[in-house]
Amino acid sequence: MMNRGGTVSSILVACGDKSGAEKHYLPALRSGGWAGELRLVAPGDGVPDLEGVAGLLLCGGADIHPRCWDEGETLHPAAVPDESRDDFERPLILRAWEAGLPILGICRGEQMLNVALGGSLIQDIPSHFNCESERHRHGSSALPELHHAVQLEPLSRLAEMVGCPEIRVNSRHHQAVKRVAPGFKAVAWHLDTDHSETGPLIEAIEAEDEGRWVVGVQWHPENLIGFEDENGAAARRIFETFLEAAQRQGLKVCQRR
């Protein structure tokens, strides 16, 4: 997509592993209909310029250090944080939020989105929920498993985009959203993973402001786009609607020039 003045609108893809992002996330964006530039950025690249950027995708990856939400919280023994990525992505998310960009966070990306904007995390699901360690750690990017159902808030943006109140997802994580960031709401849950104080495990969040397209999901829709069922269709719709929002953002950039 070309903006006035010759600037090409792009999707910024923040990741920790560029080769993995090229293999899994970029094809999902292409299959969702994006023909413009895809810019991969990772720690060590320097602060990316948001000029001409129409949307931000936050990829999955390693854990987030608790100092990102509470300097006094001790690092859990099971956590393996990527602090360089924490430091790289927090200011990027804030700048994208201030610019009103569409943002899609996937797995770690959902968690970092929540933390950067004032929320907190559960550091280790098995410890917190007293459940078996493998409950939310099944399959891989190469061999995804539709392991459990996720219940969606019927009136949410997410439910509207996927077209149903329940989908089955692939699940491979051990951290999760705890306190939802101001300006966001939880819109999907795994009801069978529940805690008396924090409630069921949160599987997705979205901005409360309907004028913002900002969504985070805990599962990996990029690995499900090839599934020929309603779950694959739901995964494809997540990318399609994100990119539709990015196209609209790109048009706004053109009009301002």
Protein backbone atom coordinates (compact mmCIF):
# COMPACT_ATOMS: atom_id res chain seq x y z
CA MET A 1 0.00 0.00 0.00
CA MET A 2 1.54 3.31 -1.13
CA ASN A 3 1.05 6.52 0.81
CA ARG A 4 1.10 9.98 -0.70
CA GLY A 5 4.69 11.09 -1.05
CA GLY A 6 5.98 7.60 -1.83
CA THR A 7 6.01 6.13 1.68
CA VAL A 8 4.92 2.50 1.79
CA SER A 9 2.64 1.56 4.67
CA SER A 10 4.12 -1.33 6.60
CA ILE A 11 3.32 -3.76 9.38
CA LEU A 12 5.95 -3.72 12.12
CA VAL A 13 6.59 -7.23 13.47
CA ALA A 14 8.35 -7.26 16.86
CA CYS A 15 9.97 -10.58 17.68
CA GLY A 16 12.86 -12.29 19.42
CA ASP A 17 13.67 -14.73 16.62
CA LYS A 18 13.52 -13.31 13.11
CA SER A 19 13.87 -16.69 11.41
CA GLY A 20 10.91 -18.04 13.38
CA ALA A 21 8.85 -14.94 12.62
CA GLU A 22 9.65 -15.27 8.91
CA LYS A 23 8.53 -18.89 8.96
CA HIS A 24 5.30 -18.57 10.95
CA TYR A 25 4.08 -14.99 11.40
CA LEU A 26 4.84 -13.42 8.03
CA PRO A 27 2.96 -16.12 6.07
CA ALA A 28 -0.05 -15.56 8.33
CA LEU A 29 0.03 -11.84 7.54
CA ARG A 30 0.34 -12.53 3.82
CA SER A 31 -2.50 -15.04 3.92
CA GLY A 32 -4.57 -12.40 5.72
CA GLY A 33 -4.26 -10.17 2.68
CA TRP A 34 -1.36 -7.82 3.42
CA ALA A 35 0.59 -7.03 0.24
CA GLY A 36 2.66 -4.18 1.66
CA GLU A 37 5.95 -4.11 3.52
CA LEU A 38 6.55 -6.32 6.57
CA ARG A 39 9.30 -4.97 8.84
CA LEU A 40 10.87 -7.40 11.31
CA VAL A 41 12.42 -5.79 14.37
CA ALA A 42 14.14 -7.36 17.38
CA PRO A 43 16.35 -6.32 20.30
CA GLY A 44 19.59 -4.95 18.93
CA ASP A 45 17.97 -3.24 15.96
CA GLY A 46 17.56 0.09 17.72
CA VAL A 47 14.32 1.98 18.25
CA PRO A 48 12.20 1.52 15.12
CA ASP A 49 10.72 4.51 13.34
CA LEU A 50 6.89 4.43 13.22
CA GLU A 51 6.77 6.64 10.12
CA GLY A 52 4.53 4.88 7.60
CA VAL A 53 3.69 2.04 10.01
CA ALA A 54 0.05 0.96 9.78
CA GLY A 55 0.03 -1.72 12.48
CA LEU A 56 2.12 -3.54 15.08
CA LEU A 57 2.28 -7.32 15.56
CA LEU A 58 3.86 -8.60 18.78
CA CYS A 59 5.08 -12.18 18.38
CA GLY A 60 5.35 -14.97 20.93
CA GLY A 61 8.57 -15.87 22.72
CA ALA A 62 10.24 -16.23 26.10
CA ASP A 63 8.96 -15.08 29.50
CA ILE A 64 8.60 -11.54 30.83
CA HIS A 65 10.51 -10.46 33.94
CA PRO A 66 8.27 -9.46 36.90
CA ARG A 67 10.13 -6.16 37.31
CA CYS A 68 8.07 -5.02 34.31
CA TRP A 69 5.00 -4.79 36.57
CA ASP A 70 6.35 -4.98 40.14
CA GLU A 71 9.96 -4.28 41.15
CA GLY A 72 9.38 -6.19 44.39
CA GLU A 73 8.07 -9.42 42.90
CA THR A 74 10.56 -12.29 42.94
CA LEU A 75 11.34 -14.12 39.72
CA HIS A 76 9.63 -17.51 39.73
CA PRO A 77 12.04 -20.50 39.45
CA ALA A 78 10.20 -21.73 36.34
CA ALA A 79 10.45 -18.38 34.53
CA VAL A 80 13.08 -17.80 31.85
CA PRO A 81 12.74 -14.09 30.97
CA ASP A 82 14.05 -12.30 27.91
CA GLU A 83 14.88 -8.95 29.51
CA SER A 84 16.41 -7.45 26.38
CA ARG A 85 13.14 -7.99 24.60
CA ASP A 86 11.19 -6.59 27.57
CA ASP A 87 13.23 -3.40 27.40
CA PHE A 88 12.89 -3.19 23.62
CA GLU A 89 9.14 -3.78 23.37
CA ARG A 90 7.75 -1.76 26.29
CA PRO A 91 8.51 1.69 24.81
CA LEU A 92 7.56 0.47 21.33
CA ILE A 93 4.10 -0.57 22.56
CA LEU A 94 3.61 2.75 24.33
CA ARG A 95 4.52 4.70 21.19
CA ALA A 96 2.22 2.56 19.04
CA TRP A 97 -0.60 3.01 21.56
CA GLU A 98 -0.11 6.78 21.64
CA ALA A 99 -0.12 6.84 17.84
CA GLY A 100 -3.43 4.94 17.76
CA LEU A 101 -2.00 2.06 15.70
CA PRO A 102 -3.80 -1.27 15.40
CA ILE A 103 -1.94 -3.77 17.59
CA LEU A 104 -2.17 -7.56 17.65
CA GLY A 105 -0.36 -9.38 20.48
CA ILE A 106 0.13 -13.14 20.32
CA CYS A 107 1.05 -15.24 23.39
CA ARG A 108 4.03 -13.34 24.85
CA GLY A 109 2.86 -10.43 22.73
CA GLU A 110 -0.49 -10.39 24.52
CA GLN A 111 1.27 -10.51 27.88
CA MET A 112 3.73 -7.73 26.97
CA LEU A 113 0.89 -5.58 25.66
CA ASN A 114 -0.89 -5.97 28.99
CA VAL A 115 2.24 -5.31 31.07
CA ALA A 116 3.43 -2.30 29.05
CA LEU A 117 0.09 -0.57 29.57
CA GLY A 118 -0.13 -1.19 33.32
CA GLY A 119 -1.27 -4.77 33.89
CA SER A 120 0.44 -7.73 35.56
CA LEU A 121 1.07 -11.42 34.94
CA ILE A 122 0.82 -14.80 36.59
CA GLN A 123 4.41 -16.02 36.35
CA ASP A 124 3.67 -19.74 36.36
CA ILE A 125 0.26 -21.27 35.59
CA PRO A 126 0.80 -24.68 37.24
CA SER A 127 1.96 -23.07 40.51
CA HIS A 128 -0.81 -20.48 40.58
CA PHE A 129 -3.71 -22.69 39.55
CA ASN A 130 -2.40 -25.90 41.12
CA CYS A 131 -2.86 -27.77 37.85
CA GLU A 132 -0.78 -30.27 35.92
CA SER A 133 2.26 -28.74 34.22
CA GLU A 134 1.25 -29.88 30.75
CA ARG A 135 -2.28 -28.44 30.77
CA HIS A 136 -1.27 -25.37 28.76
CA ARG A 137 1.85 -26.76 27.12
CA HIS A 138 0.92 -28.94 24.18
CA GLY A 139 2.16 -29.21 20.61
CA SER A 140 4.57 -26.94 18.76
CA SER A 141 4.60 -24.36 16.00
CA ALA A 142 5.25 -27.15 13.50
CA LEU A 143 2.69 -29.55 15.00
CA PRO A 144 -0.08 -27.49 16.62
CA GLU A 145 -2.68 -29.27 18.72
CA LEU A 146 -6.21 -27.99 19.30
CA HIS A 147 -5.93 -28.82 22.96
CA HIS A 148 -8.76 -27.02 24.74
CA ALA A 149 -11.75 -24.72 24.30
CA VAL A 150 -11.74 -20.99 24.94
CA GLN A 151 -14.93 -19.17 25.92
CA LEU A 152 -15.33 -15.69 24.37
CA GLU A 153 -17.30 -12.74 25.67
CA PRO A 154 -20.24 -12.71 23.22
CA LEU A 155 -20.29 -8.92 22.79
CA SER A 156 -16.52 -8.53 22.35
CA ARG A 157 -14.66 -7.44 19.24
CA LEU A 158 -12.91 -10.82 19.28
CA ALA A 159 -16.16 -12.81 19.26
CA GLU A 160 -17.50 -10.63 16.47
CA MET A 161 -14.43 -11.19 14.32
CA VAL A 162 -14.28 -14.99 14.75
CA GLY A 163 -18.04 -15.40 14.52
CA CYS A 164 -18.65 -17.72 17.47
CA PRO A 165 -18.64 -17.71 21.29
CA GLU A 166 -16.28 -20.69 21.66
CA ILE A 167 -13.26 -21.94 19.73
CA ARG A 168 -10.62 -24.59 20.25
CA VAL A 169 -7.03 -23.37 20.41
CA ASN A 170 -3.43 -24.52 20.60
CA SER A 171 -1.92 -23.84 24.01
CA ARG A 172 1.77 -23.68 24.91
CA HIS A 173 2.55 -21.17 27.65
CA HIS A 174 3.10 -21.00 31.39
CA GLN A 175 2.61 -17.27 32.02
CA ALA A 176 -0.72 -15.47 31.68
CA VAL A 177 -2.50 -12.17 32.26
CA LYS A 178 -3.35 -11.56 35.94
CA ARG A 179 -4.42 -7.93 36.43
CA VAL A 180 -5.81 -6.51 33.21
CA ALA A 181 -4.28 -3.18 32.18
CA PRO A 182 -6.36 0.02 32.50
CA GLY A 183 -8.24 0.65 29.27
CA PHE A 184 -8.50 -3.08 28.52
CA LYS A 185 -10.94 -5.86 29.30
CA ALA A 186 -10.65 -9.64 29.39
CA VAL A 187 -12.69 -11.19 26.57
CA ALA A 188 -11.78 -14.91 26.60
CA TRP A 189 -11.10 -17.52 29.27
CA HIS A 190 -10.23 -21.16 29.85
CA LEU A 191 -12.94 -21.92 32.38
CA ASP A 192 -11.44 -25.23 33.52
CA THR A 193 -8.31 -23.45 34.81
CA ASP A 194 -9.71 -21.44 37.70
CA HIS A 195 -8.49 -19.79 40.91
CA SER A 196 -10.62 -18.61 43.85
CA GLU A 197 -8.97 -15.17 43.90
CA THR A 198 -8.05 -14.40 40.29
CA GLY A 199 -10.83 -16.32 38.53
CA PRO A 200 -10.49 -18.38 35.33
CA LEU A 201 -7.33 -18.11 33.24
CA ILE A 202 -7.54 -15.15 30.85
CA GLU A 203 -7.00 -16.12 27.21
CA ALA A 204 -7.54 -12.79 25.44
CA ILE A 205 -7.79 -9.06 26.09
CA GLU A 206 -8.88 -6.10 23.98
CA ALA A 207 -9.07 -2.32 24.27
CA GLU A 208 -12.27 -1.03 25.86
CA ASP A 209 -12.33 1.91 23.43
CA GLU A 210 -14.15 0.64 20.35
CA GLY A 211 -12.26 3.20 18.29
CA ARG A 212 -9.01 1.31 18.91
CA TRP A 213 -8.18 -2.01 17.24
CA VAL A 214 -5.94 -3.48 19.95
CA VAL A 215 -6.30 -7.20 20.70
CA GLY A 216 -4.14 -9.78 22.47
CA VAL A 217 -4.66 -13.55 22.34
CA GLN A 218 -2.86 -16.15 24.42
CA TRP A 219 -2.86 -18.90 21.79
CA HIS A 220 -1.05 -19.08 18.42
CA PRO A 221 -3.45 -18.40 15.52
CA GLU A 222 -0.50 -18.12 13.12
CA ASN A 223 -0.09 -21.92 13.43
CA LEU A 224 -3.80 -22.61 12.81
CA ILE A 225 -4.47 -20.72 9.58
CA GLY A 226 -4.12 -23.92 7.53
CA PHE A 227 -6.78 -25.83 9.49
CA GLU A 228 -9.84 -26.49 7.32
CA ASP A 229 -12.42 -26.14 10.08
CA GLU A 230 -14.10 -23.42 12.12
CA ASN A 231 -11.00 -23.07 14.30
CA GLY A 232 -8.80 -22.41 11.29
CA ALA A 233 -11.37 -19.94 9.95
CA ALA A 234 -11.34 -18.15 13.33
CA ALA A 235 -7.53 -17.90 13.20
CA ARG A 236 -7.62 -16.47 9.70
CA ARG A 237 -10.24 -13.91 10.67
CA ILE A 238 -8.02 -12.60 13.49
CA PHE A 239 -5.32 -11.72 10.97
CA GLU A 240 -7.76 -10.48 8.35
CA THR A 241 -9.49 -8.04 10.70
CA PHE A 242 -6.17 -6.82 12.10
CA LEU A 243 -5.00 -6.11 8.56
CA GLU A 244 -8.29 -4.46 7.62
CA ALA A 245 -7.70 -2.09 10.55
CA ALA A 246 -4.13 -1.54 9.34
CA GLN A 247 -5.39 -0.69 5.86
CA ARG A 248 -7.71 1.93 7.37
CA GLN A 249 -4.79 3.30 9.41
CA GLY A 250 -2.69 3.50 6.25
CA LEU A 251 -5.40 5.54 4.55
CA LYS A 252 -5.40 7.95 7.49
CA VAL A 253 -1.66 8.39 7.06
CA CYS A 254 -2.20 9.18 3.37
CA GLN A 255 -4.85 11.78 4.16
CA ARG A 256 -2.60 13.56 6.65
CA ARG A 257 0.16 14.01 4.08
